[in-house]
N, C-alpha and C. Protein backbone atom coordinates (compact mmCIF):
# COMPACT_ATOMS: atom_id res chain seq x y z
N MET A 1 -12.89 -29.02 26.60
CA MET A 1 -13.40 -28.02 25.69
C MET A 1 -12.76 -26.67 26.02
N GLN A 2 -12.34 -25.96 24.98
CA GLN A 2 -11.70 -24.67 25.16
C GLN A 2 -12.74 -23.59 25.40
N ARG A 3 -12.46 -22.72 26.35
CA ARG A 3 -13.37 -21.63 26.68
C ARG A 3 -13.12 -20.43 25.77
N VAL A 4 -14.17 -19.85 25.23
CA VAL A 4 -14.06 -18.66 24.39
C VAL A 4 -13.92 -17.45 25.30
N GLU A 5 -12.85 -16.70 25.10
CA GLU A 5 -12.60 -15.53 25.94
C GLU A 5 -12.94 -14.22 25.26
N GLU A 6 -12.95 -14.23 23.94
CA GLU A 6 -13.16 -12.97 23.24
C GLU A 6 -13.74 -13.24 21.86
N LEU A 7 -14.53 -12.30 21.39
CA LEU A 7 -15.10 -12.39 20.06
C LEU A 7 -15.16 -10.99 19.48
N SER A 8 -14.57 -10.81 18.30
CA SER A 8 -14.64 -9.54 17.60
C SER A 8 -15.48 -9.72 16.35
N ILE A 9 -16.40 -8.80 16.16
CA ILE A 9 -17.26 -8.82 14.97
C ILE A 9 -17.09 -7.48 14.27
N VAL A 10 -16.78 -7.53 12.98
CA VAL A 10 -16.59 -6.31 12.20
C VAL A 10 -17.72 -6.25 11.19
N VAL A 11 -18.51 -5.17 11.25
CA VAL A 11 -19.64 -4.99 10.34
C VAL A 11 -19.66 -3.55 9.85
N ASP A 12 -20.39 -3.34 8.78
CA ASP A 12 -20.60 -2.00 8.27
C ASP A 12 -21.22 -1.14 9.36
N GLU A 13 -20.80 0.09 9.44
CA GLU A 13 -21.26 0.98 10.50
C GLU A 13 -22.77 1.24 10.44
N ASN A 14 -23.39 1.02 9.30
CA ASN A 14 -24.83 1.23 9.18
C ASN A 14 -25.66 0.09 9.75
N ILE A 15 -25.02 -0.99 10.11
CA ILE A 15 -25.73 -2.13 10.71
C ILE A 15 -25.86 -1.88 12.20
N GLU A 16 -27.06 -2.02 12.69
CA GLU A 16 -27.36 -1.76 14.11
C GLU A 16 -26.92 -2.96 14.96
N ILE A 17 -26.06 -2.71 15.93
CA ILE A 17 -25.58 -3.75 16.84
C ILE A 17 -26.01 -3.38 18.25
N GLN A 18 -26.62 -4.32 18.95
CA GLN A 18 -27.03 -4.10 20.33
C GLN A 18 -25.89 -4.53 21.26
N SER A 19 -25.07 -3.58 21.65
CA SER A 19 -23.94 -3.88 22.52
C SER A 19 -23.44 -2.60 23.16
N ASP A 20 -22.85 -2.74 24.33
CA ASP A 20 -22.26 -1.58 24.99
C ASP A 20 -20.76 -1.48 24.71
N VAL A 21 -20.24 -2.33 23.84
CA VAL A 21 -18.82 -2.31 23.52
C VAL A 21 -18.56 -2.11 22.02
N VAL A 22 -19.40 -1.33 21.38
CA VAL A 22 -19.25 -1.05 19.96
C VAL A 22 -18.32 0.15 19.80
N GLU A 23 -17.41 0.04 18.84
CA GLU A 23 -16.51 1.15 18.56
C GLU A 23 -16.74 1.59 17.12
N HIS A 24 -16.93 2.88 16.92
CA HIS A 24 -17.27 3.44 15.61
C HIS A 24 -16.09 4.20 15.00
N ASN A 25 -16.33 4.70 13.79
CA ASN A 25 -15.43 5.60 13.09
C ASN A 25 -14.14 4.95 12.62
N TRP A 26 -14.26 3.78 12.01
CA TRP A 26 -13.13 3.11 11.39
C TRP A 26 -13.29 3.19 9.88
N LYS A 27 -12.21 3.29 9.17
CA LYS A 27 -12.18 3.23 7.71
C LYS A 27 -11.26 2.09 7.30
N ALA A 28 -11.59 1.42 6.22
CA ALA A 28 -10.81 0.26 5.77
C ALA A 28 -9.96 0.60 4.56
N ILE A 29 -8.74 0.12 4.59
CA ILE A 29 -7.87 0.13 3.43
C ILE A 29 -7.74 -1.32 3.00
N LYS A 30 -8.15 -1.60 1.78
CA LYS A 30 -8.09 -2.97 1.25
C LYS A 30 -6.79 -3.14 0.47
N ILE A 31 -6.06 -4.18 0.79
CA ILE A 31 -4.84 -4.47 0.05
C ILE A 31 -5.25 -5.28 -1.17
N VAL A 32 -5.08 -4.67 -2.34
CA VAL A 32 -5.56 -5.25 -3.59
C VAL A 32 -4.49 -6.14 -4.20
N GLY A 33 -4.93 -7.25 -4.74
CA GLY A 33 -4.03 -8.16 -5.43
C GLY A 33 -4.06 -9.53 -4.78
N LEU A 34 -3.68 -10.52 -5.54
CA LEU A 34 -3.62 -11.86 -5.00
C LEU A 34 -2.34 -12.00 -4.18
N LEU A 35 -2.49 -12.25 -2.89
CA LEU A 35 -1.35 -12.39 -2.01
C LEU A 35 -1.12 -13.86 -1.72
N ASP A 36 -0.14 -14.42 -2.36
CA ASP A 36 0.19 -15.82 -2.16
C ASP A 36 0.66 -16.04 -0.72
N PHE A 37 0.32 -17.18 -0.16
CA PHE A 37 0.71 -17.47 1.22
C PHE A 37 2.23 -17.54 1.38
N ALA A 38 2.96 -17.71 0.29
CA ALA A 38 4.42 -17.78 0.36
C ALA A 38 5.05 -16.39 0.45
N LEU A 39 4.28 -15.35 0.15
CA LEU A 39 4.82 -13.99 0.25
C LEU A 39 5.04 -13.62 1.71
N ILE A 40 6.12 -12.94 1.97
CA ILE A 40 6.49 -12.63 3.35
C ILE A 40 6.64 -11.12 3.51
N GLY A 41 6.07 -10.59 4.58
CA GLY A 41 6.36 -9.23 5.00
C GLY A 41 5.52 -8.11 4.43
N ILE A 42 4.56 -8.40 3.58
CA ILE A 42 3.74 -7.34 2.99
C ILE A 42 2.99 -6.57 4.07
N PHE A 43 2.28 -7.31 4.90
CA PHE A 43 1.52 -6.68 5.97
C PHE A 43 2.44 -6.00 6.97
N ALA A 44 3.58 -6.61 7.24
CA ALA A 44 4.54 -6.04 8.18
C ALA A 44 5.07 -4.70 7.69
N LYS A 45 5.40 -4.60 6.42
CA LYS A 45 5.93 -3.35 5.86
C LYS A 45 4.91 -2.22 5.99
N ILE A 46 3.66 -2.53 5.67
CA ILE A 46 2.61 -1.52 5.75
C ILE A 46 2.40 -1.10 7.20
N SER A 47 2.36 -2.06 8.11
CA SER A 47 2.13 -1.71 9.52
C SER A 47 3.30 -0.92 10.10
N ILE A 48 4.52 -1.19 9.65
CA ILE A 48 5.68 -0.42 10.13
C ILE A 48 5.59 1.03 9.66
N ILE A 49 5.22 1.22 8.40
CA ILE A 49 5.06 2.59 7.88
C ILE A 49 4.03 3.35 8.71
N LEU A 50 2.91 2.71 8.99
CA LEU A 50 1.85 3.38 9.75
C LEU A 50 2.26 3.59 11.21
N ALA A 51 2.99 2.66 11.78
CA ALA A 51 3.47 2.83 13.16
C ALA A 51 4.44 4.00 13.24
N GLN A 52 5.31 4.14 12.25
CA GLN A 52 6.25 5.27 12.23
C GLN A 52 5.52 6.60 12.08
N ALA A 53 4.34 6.57 11.46
CA ALA A 53 3.52 7.78 11.32
C ALA A 53 2.60 7.95 12.54
N GLU A 54 2.78 7.10 13.55
CA GLU A 54 2.00 7.14 14.78
C GLU A 54 0.51 6.91 14.54
N ILE A 55 0.23 5.93 13.68
CA ILE A 55 -1.15 5.55 13.35
C ILE A 55 -1.35 4.11 13.78
N SER A 56 -2.28 3.90 14.71
CA SER A 56 -2.58 2.53 15.13
C SER A 56 -3.53 1.89 14.13
N ILE A 57 -3.47 0.57 14.05
CA ILE A 57 -4.28 -0.15 13.08
C ILE A 57 -5.00 -1.32 13.74
N PHE A 58 -6.03 -1.79 13.04
CA PHE A 58 -6.72 -3.03 13.36
C PHE A 58 -6.63 -3.84 12.07
N ALA A 59 -5.87 -4.91 12.09
CA ALA A 59 -5.61 -5.70 10.88
C ALA A 59 -6.56 -6.89 10.80
N ILE A 60 -7.05 -7.13 9.59
CA ILE A 60 -7.92 -8.27 9.32
C ILE A 60 -7.41 -8.98 8.08
N SER A 61 -7.22 -10.27 8.19
CA SER A 61 -6.83 -11.07 7.03
C SER A 61 -7.90 -12.12 6.78
N THR A 62 -8.30 -12.23 5.53
CA THR A 62 -9.21 -13.29 5.13
C THR A 62 -8.44 -14.20 4.17
N TYR A 63 -9.09 -15.20 3.67
CA TYR A 63 -8.43 -16.11 2.74
C TYR A 63 -7.95 -15.37 1.50
N ASN A 64 -8.76 -14.47 0.96
CA ASN A 64 -8.44 -13.79 -0.29
C ASN A 64 -7.93 -12.36 -0.15
N THR A 65 -8.20 -11.71 0.95
CA THR A 65 -7.96 -10.27 1.04
C THR A 65 -7.47 -9.89 2.43
N ASP A 66 -6.63 -8.87 2.47
CA ASP A 66 -6.20 -8.28 3.74
C ASP A 66 -6.75 -6.86 3.82
N TYR A 67 -7.11 -6.47 5.03
CA TYR A 67 -7.63 -5.13 5.28
C TYR A 67 -6.89 -4.53 6.45
N ILE A 68 -6.71 -3.21 6.39
CA ILE A 68 -6.19 -2.47 7.53
C ILE A 68 -7.25 -1.45 7.88
N LEU A 69 -7.74 -1.52 9.10
CA LEU A 69 -8.72 -0.56 9.58
C LEU A 69 -8.00 0.52 10.37
N ILE A 70 -8.39 1.76 10.09
CA ILE A 70 -7.77 2.93 10.68
C ILE A 70 -8.88 3.85 11.16
N LYS A 71 -8.67 4.49 12.27
CA LYS A 71 -9.66 5.46 12.74
C LYS A 71 -9.84 6.56 11.68
N SER A 72 -11.07 6.98 11.50
CA SER A 72 -11.43 7.93 10.44
C SER A 72 -10.58 9.19 10.44
N ASP A 73 -10.28 9.70 11.62
CA ASP A 73 -9.53 10.96 11.69
C ASP A 73 -8.05 10.80 11.31
N LYS A 74 -7.58 9.57 11.13
CA LYS A 74 -6.19 9.30 10.75
C LYS A 74 -6.05 8.81 9.31
N LEU A 75 -7.17 8.68 8.60
CA LEU A 75 -7.14 8.09 7.26
C LEU A 75 -6.27 8.90 6.30
N ASP A 76 -6.46 10.19 6.22
CA ASP A 76 -5.66 11.00 5.29
C ASP A 76 -4.17 10.90 5.59
N LYS A 77 -3.83 10.93 6.87
CA LYS A 77 -2.42 10.81 7.28
C LYS A 77 -1.87 9.44 6.88
N ALA A 78 -2.68 8.40 7.03
CA ALA A 78 -2.25 7.05 6.65
C ALA A 78 -2.03 6.94 5.15
N ILE A 79 -2.96 7.47 4.38
CA ILE A 79 -2.82 7.44 2.91
C ILE A 79 -1.57 8.17 2.50
N ASN A 80 -1.32 9.35 3.07
CA ASN A 80 -0.12 10.11 2.72
C ASN A 80 1.15 9.35 3.07
N ALA A 81 1.19 8.73 4.24
CA ALA A 81 2.37 7.98 4.66
C ALA A 81 2.63 6.81 3.72
N LEU A 82 1.58 6.10 3.34
CA LEU A 82 1.75 4.96 2.43
C LEU A 82 2.14 5.41 1.03
N GLN A 83 1.53 6.48 0.54
CA GLN A 83 1.89 7.00 -0.78
C GLN A 83 3.34 7.47 -0.79
N ASP A 84 3.78 8.11 0.28
CA ASP A 84 5.18 8.55 0.38
C ASP A 84 6.15 7.38 0.33
N ASN A 85 5.66 6.19 0.63
CA ASN A 85 6.49 4.99 0.61
C ASN A 85 6.21 4.08 -0.58
N GLY A 86 5.58 4.65 -1.62
CA GLY A 86 5.42 3.94 -2.88
C GLY A 86 4.15 3.14 -3.07
N TYR A 87 3.22 3.22 -2.12
CA TYR A 87 1.96 2.50 -2.26
C TYR A 87 0.97 3.34 -3.04
N ASN A 88 0.18 2.70 -3.89
CA ASN A 88 -0.81 3.38 -4.72
C ASN A 88 -2.21 3.09 -4.24
N PHE A 89 -3.09 4.04 -4.45
CA PHE A 89 -4.49 3.89 -4.08
C PHE A 89 -5.34 4.05 -5.33
N ILE A 90 -6.36 3.17 -5.43
CA ILE A 90 -7.25 3.25 -6.59
C ILE A 90 -8.65 3.54 -6.12
């Protein structure tokens, strides 16, 4: 049996979590659109743009949607960097 070494849980900040390892002040950017599994590099391009802007990310992929979590104080800078590279926000 494989031993579990780590578990990350992402919840809305308004939900009360009893833990000494909770990290707050994240904002999510949702990548809108159906992303076929055959598509290559979408997430990589976005993360490279943000890395070049010196913005660290926490990436989450689900079956239907991808999210990039960014610290709240870096959100405006992230949006500007992505918009400067042709990404649109709705």
